[in-house]
Amino acid sequence: MKNLTLSLIIVSFASVLSATTIFTDRTEWENAIAEQELGSIQTEDFNSTNPGTLPKNATTNVGLLDIEVIVPQGAQGVTIISDGTGEFNFDGSNYLHMGLDGTPKREVNISFSGPIVAWGADFGTRNTFSDDPAVTFGDVFEQRLGQLIPGGLGNSSFVGFISEDPFDFLNFKDPFASTAVFGADNLSFVQLDSSVPEPSTFIFLAMAVFGLAFFKRT
């Protein structure tokens, strides 16, 4: 577990008080989830999806995930489900391959069926002639809870995190001006336990109780 390394940076957004722990080892990430009793881990390995290019400016259901490809006019790049023989050969099976133009910004959003509290994946980045990608995570209110910039990982390395604030989507893009080329496989996540209210729910309930008490006193 690492809070900051030369190849992995987290940028916290001042407007949101979110505590995030970063991991570069899948076993440590899984053990932390078990110790904190966050829930069961689900994994999308892309093997149930036929290899091919994902459509531009559309959302495609890919197993456990919804993947939206945003391509403004003039943006280059690719977003494909590779058959495992491509540049990033994680385990010889399908994986998600992304080439994201930095100018103009080509982006990929990955969303889930409900809020999640932990996420991790096997990443491969091109160490030459490529920018490092940025992975931003946030909630349905479009609040950005943090940003990871995994770089210098080579062909296959794990990157994961656990957030105190539940999040609903991941946004991938090139934070710079050139092109970010990378692959991802075995995207694992833990959904928020529906029996545990989110922090915003606690705040709402507290305000309701306070308002009721004030109403009775007046």
Protein backbone atom coordinates (compact mmCIF):
# COMPACT_ATOMS: atom_id res chain seq x y z
CA MET A 1 0.00 0.00 0.00
CA LYS A 2 1.37 3.40 -0.95
CA ASN A 3 0.02 6.87 -0.40
CA LEU A 4 2.39 8.42 -2.94
CA THR A 5 4.95 7.01 -5.35
CA LEU A 6 6.83 8.44 -8.30
CA SER A 7 4.65 6.46 -10.71
CA LEU A 8 1.31 7.00 -8.98
CA ILE A 9 -0.04 10.39 -7.98
CA ILE A 10 -3.34 11.30 -6.37
CA VAL A 11 -4.72 14.79 -6.68
CA SER A 12 -7.41 15.58 -4.12
CA PHE A 13 -9.95 18.27 -4.90
CA ALA A 14 -10.23 20.92 -2.20
CA SER A 15 -14.00 21.21 -2.56
CA VAL A 16 -14.54 17.63 -1.44
CA LEU A 17 -13.24 16.15 1.80
CA SER A 18 -12.51 12.64 0.62
CA ALA A 19 -10.00 10.24 2.16
CA THR A 20 -8.56 7.82 -0.37
CA THR A 21 -6.02 5.04 0.10
CA ILE A 22 -4.04 3.91 -2.93
CA PHE A 23 -2.68 0.42 -3.53
CA THR A 24 -0.18 -0.95 -6.03
CA ASP A 25 -0.57 -4.57 -4.96
CA ARG A 26 -3.82 -6.46 -5.65
CA THR A 27 -3.45 -8.80 -2.65
CA GLU A 28 -2.99 -5.89 -0.24
CA TRP A 29 -6.01 -4.16 -1.77
CA GLU A 30 -8.14 -7.29 -1.38
CA ASN A 31 -6.95 -7.81 2.20
CA ALA A 32 -7.83 -4.20 3.11
CA ILE A 33 -11.33 -4.67 1.69
CA ALA A 34 -11.77 -7.83 3.77
CA GLU A 35 -10.44 -6.20 6.95
CA GLN A 36 -12.78 -3.24 6.54
CA GLU A 37 -15.67 -5.56 5.65
CA LEU A 38 -16.56 -3.41 2.66
CA GLY A 39 -18.27 -6.22 0.76
CA SER A 40 -17.67 -8.69 -2.03
CA ILE A 41 -15.37 -7.95 -4.95
CA GLN A 42 -16.78 -8.11 -8.49
CA THR A 43 -14.51 -8.32 -11.52
CA GLU A 44 -15.01 -7.59 -15.21
CA ASP A 45 -12.39 -9.40 -17.31
CA PHE A 46 -13.94 -8.57 -20.74
CA ASN A 47 -13.85 -12.22 -21.78
CA SER A 48 -17.63 -12.41 -22.26
CA THR A 49 -17.52 -9.54 -24.79
CA ASN A 50 -16.55 -10.01 -28.42
CA PRO A 51 -13.40 -8.11 -29.37
CA GLY A 52 -13.98 -4.96 -31.40
CA THR A 53 -14.12 -1.18 -31.42
CA LEU A 54 -16.57 0.51 -29.07
CA PRO A 55 -18.82 3.07 -30.83
CA LYS A 56 -18.03 6.78 -30.58
CA ASN A 57 -20.27 9.14 -28.60
CA ALA A 58 -22.32 6.26 -27.26
CA THR A 59 -22.59 4.12 -24.14
CA THR A 60 -22.03 0.38 -24.46
CA ASN A 61 -22.81 -2.23 -21.83
CA VAL A 62 -19.75 -4.41 -21.35
CA GLY A 63 -20.51 -7.10 -18.80
CA LEU A 64 -20.67 -5.44 -15.37
CA LEU A 65 -19.79 -2.01 -16.74
CA ASP A 66 -21.28 0.75 -18.87
CA ILE A 67 -18.57 2.32 -21.04
CA GLU A 68 -19.16 5.71 -22.67
CA VAL A 69 -16.75 6.88 -25.40
CA ILE A 70 -16.68 10.67 -25.87
CA VAL A 71 -15.05 11.84 -29.10
CA PRO A 72 -15.25 15.55 -29.94
CA GLN A 73 -14.76 16.65 -33.52
CA GLY A 74 -11.16 16.25 -34.60
CA ALA A 75 -10.14 13.93 -31.76
CA GLN A 76 -8.13 10.84 -32.66
CA GLY A 77 -7.55 7.54 -30.90
CA VAL A 78 -9.21 4.19 -30.27
CA THR A 79 -11.26 2.44 -27.59
CA ILE A 80 -11.44 -1.29 -28.24
CA ILE A 81 -11.89 -4.63 -26.57
CA SER A 82 -8.67 -6.34 -27.62
CA ASP A 83 -8.45 -10.11 -28.09
CA GLY A 84 -5.30 -10.30 -25.98
CA THR A 85 -2.78 -10.29 -28.81
CA GLY A 86 -2.37 -6.52 -28.72
CA GLU A 87 0.24 -4.28 -27.18
CA PHE A 88 -0.73 -5.00 -23.57
CA ASN A 89 -0.88 -8.75 -23.09
CA PHE A 90 -2.04 -9.17 -19.49
CA ASP A 91 -2.96 -12.85 -19.47
CA GLY A 92 -3.53 -13.67 -23.13
CA SER A 93 -7.26 -12.91 -22.96
CA ASN A 94 -9.46 -9.90 -23.74
CA TYR A 95 -8.71 -6.50 -22.26
CA LEU A 96 -9.75 -2.86 -22.68
CA HIS A 97 -7.34 -0.90 -24.91
CA MET A 98 -7.51 2.91 -24.98
CA GLY A 99 -5.71 5.50 -27.04
CA LEU A 100 -6.94 8.90 -25.90
CA ASP A 101 -6.14 12.08 -27.79
CA GLY A 102 -5.08 14.99 -25.61
CA THR A 103 -6.03 17.75 -28.04
CA PRO A 104 -8.98 17.80 -28.37
CA LYS A 105 -9.80 15.57 -25.42
CA ARG A 106 -11.06 12.07 -26.20
CA GLU A 107 -12.51 10.62 -22.98
CA VAL A 108 -13.91 7.35 -21.67
CA ASN A 109 -16.37 7.14 -18.77
CA ILE A 110 -16.97 3.88 -16.91
CA SER A 111 -20.04 3.71 -14.70
CA PHE A 112 -21.53 1.04 -12.45
CA SER A 113 -24.98 -0.15 -11.46
CA GLY A 114 -24.65 1.60 -8.11
CA PRO A 115 -22.21 3.55 -5.91
CA ILE A 116 -18.89 1.84 -5.22
CA VAL A 117 -16.27 2.31 -2.51
CA ALA A 118 -13.27 0.47 -3.95
CA TRP A 119 -11.85 -0.05 -7.42
CA GLY A 120 -8.74 -1.60 -8.92
CA ALA A 121 -7.40 -2.92 -12.22
CA ASP A 122 -4.36 -4.33 -13.95
CA PHE A 123 -2.86 -1.46 -15.95
CA GLY A 124 -0.37 -1.34 -18.76
CA THR A 125 1.06 1.94 -19.98
CA ARG A 126 3.29 2.73 -22.92
CA ASN A 127 6.50 4.09 -21.46
CA THR A 128 7.64 5.88 -24.62
CA PHE A 129 5.84 8.23 -27.00
CA SER A 130 2.77 8.35 -24.77
CA ASP A 131 1.38 10.58 -22.05
CA ASP A 132 0.35 9.09 -18.70
CA PRO A 133 -3.45 8.78 -18.43
CA ALA A 134 -5.53 10.44 -15.73
CA VAL A 135 -8.23 8.48 -13.91
CA THR A 136 -10.77 10.75 -12.20
CA PHE A 137 -13.48 9.37 -9.93
CA GLY A 138 -16.60 11.14 -8.77
CA ASP A 139 -20.26 10.88 -7.85
CA VAL A 140 -23.60 11.44 -9.54
CA PHE A 141 -23.52 15.09 -8.45
CA GLU A 142 -20.47 15.53 -10.71
CA GLN A 143 -18.23 16.11 -7.71
CA ARG A 144 -14.68 15.02 -8.48
CA LEU A 145 -13.43 13.12 -5.45
CA GLY A 146 -9.87 12.62 -6.67
CA GLN A 147 -7.60 11.84 -9.57
CA LEU A 148 -4.98 9.17 -10.16
CA ILE A 149 -2.21 9.46 -12.72
CA PRO A 150 -0.67 5.99 -13.15
CA GLY A 151 2.58 6.28 -15.06
CA GLY A 152 5.71 4.27 -15.65
CA LEU A 153 3.88 1.03 -14.90
CA GLY A 154 5.17 -0.94 -17.86
CA ASN A 155 3.21 -3.75 -19.45
CA SER A 156 1.21 -4.84 -16.40
CA SER A 157 0.88 -3.41 -12.88
CA PHE A 158 -1.99 -3.17 -10.41
CA VAL A 159 -3.49 0.16 -9.39
CA GLY A 160 -6.38 0.35 -6.94
CA PHE A 161 -7.92 2.54 -4.29
CA ILE A 162 -10.46 2.62 -1.48
CA SER A 163 -12.48 5.79 -0.92
CA GLU A 164 -14.38 6.87 2.17
CA ASP A 165 -16.85 8.67 -0.11
CA PRO A 166 -18.78 6.42 -2.52
CA PHE A 167 -18.33 7.20 -6.20
CA ASP A 168 -20.34 6.34 -9.30
CA PHE A 169 -18.06 6.74 -12.28
CA LEU A 170 -14.49 6.75 -13.53
CA ASN A 171 -13.27 9.13 -16.22
CA PHE A 172 -10.21 8.33 -18.32
CA LYS A 173 -8.44 11.00 -20.37
CA ASP A 174 -5.07 12.39 -21.34
CA PRO A 175 -4.38 15.30 -18.94
CA PHE A 176 -1.72 16.61 -21.28
CA ALA A 177 -1.64 17.61 -24.97
CA SER A 178 -0.43 14.52 -26.84
CA THR A 179 -1.93 11.00 -26.64
CA ALA A 180 -2.25 8.53 -23.77
CA VAL A 181 -2.07 4.87 -24.81
CA PHE A 182 -2.78 2.21 -22.19
CA GLY A 183 -4.62 -0.99 -21.42
CA ALA A 184 -6.70 -2.21 -18.49
CA ASP A 185 -7.92 -5.65 -17.49
CA ASN A 186 -9.60 -7.38 -14.55
CA LEU A 187 -11.45 -4.23 -13.46
CA SER A 188 -12.51 -5.06 -9.91
CA PHE A 189 -14.81 -3.08 -7.64
CA VAL A 190 -16.86 -3.23 -4.45
CA GLN A 191 -20.34 -1.75 -4.41
CA LEU A 192 -21.60 0.21 -1.44
CA ASP A 193 -23.62 -1.90 0.98
CA SER A 194 -27.18 -0.68 0.41
CA SER A 195 -27.94 -1.18 4.11
CA VAL A 196 -25.37 1.48 5.03
CA PRO A 197 -26.53 5.05 4.24
CA GLU A 198 -24.14 7.22 2.23
CA PRO A 199 -22.63 10.28 4.01
CA SER A 200 -25.02 12.58 2.16
CA THR A 201 -27.92 10.50 3.49
CA PHE A 202 -26.67 10.92 7.07
CA ILE A 203 -26.51 14.68 6.56
CA PHE A 204 -30.04 14.75 5.15
CA LEU A 205 -31.41 12.71 8.06
CA ALA A 206 -29.63 14.91 10.60
CA MET A 207 -31.10 18.03 9.01
CA ALA A 208 -34.56 16.46 9.02
CA VAL A 209 -34.32 15.54 12.71
CA PHE A 210 -33.03 19.02 13.59
CA GLY A 211 -35.84 20.62 11.60
CA LEU A 212 -38.48 18.46 13.29
CA ALA A 213 -37.11 19.30 16.73
CA PHE A 214 -37.07 23.01 15.93
CA PHE A 215 -40.66 22.82 14.60
CA LYS A 216 -41.88 21.14 17.80
CA ARG A 217 -40.19 23.73 20.02
CA THR A 218 -41.80 26.58 18.13
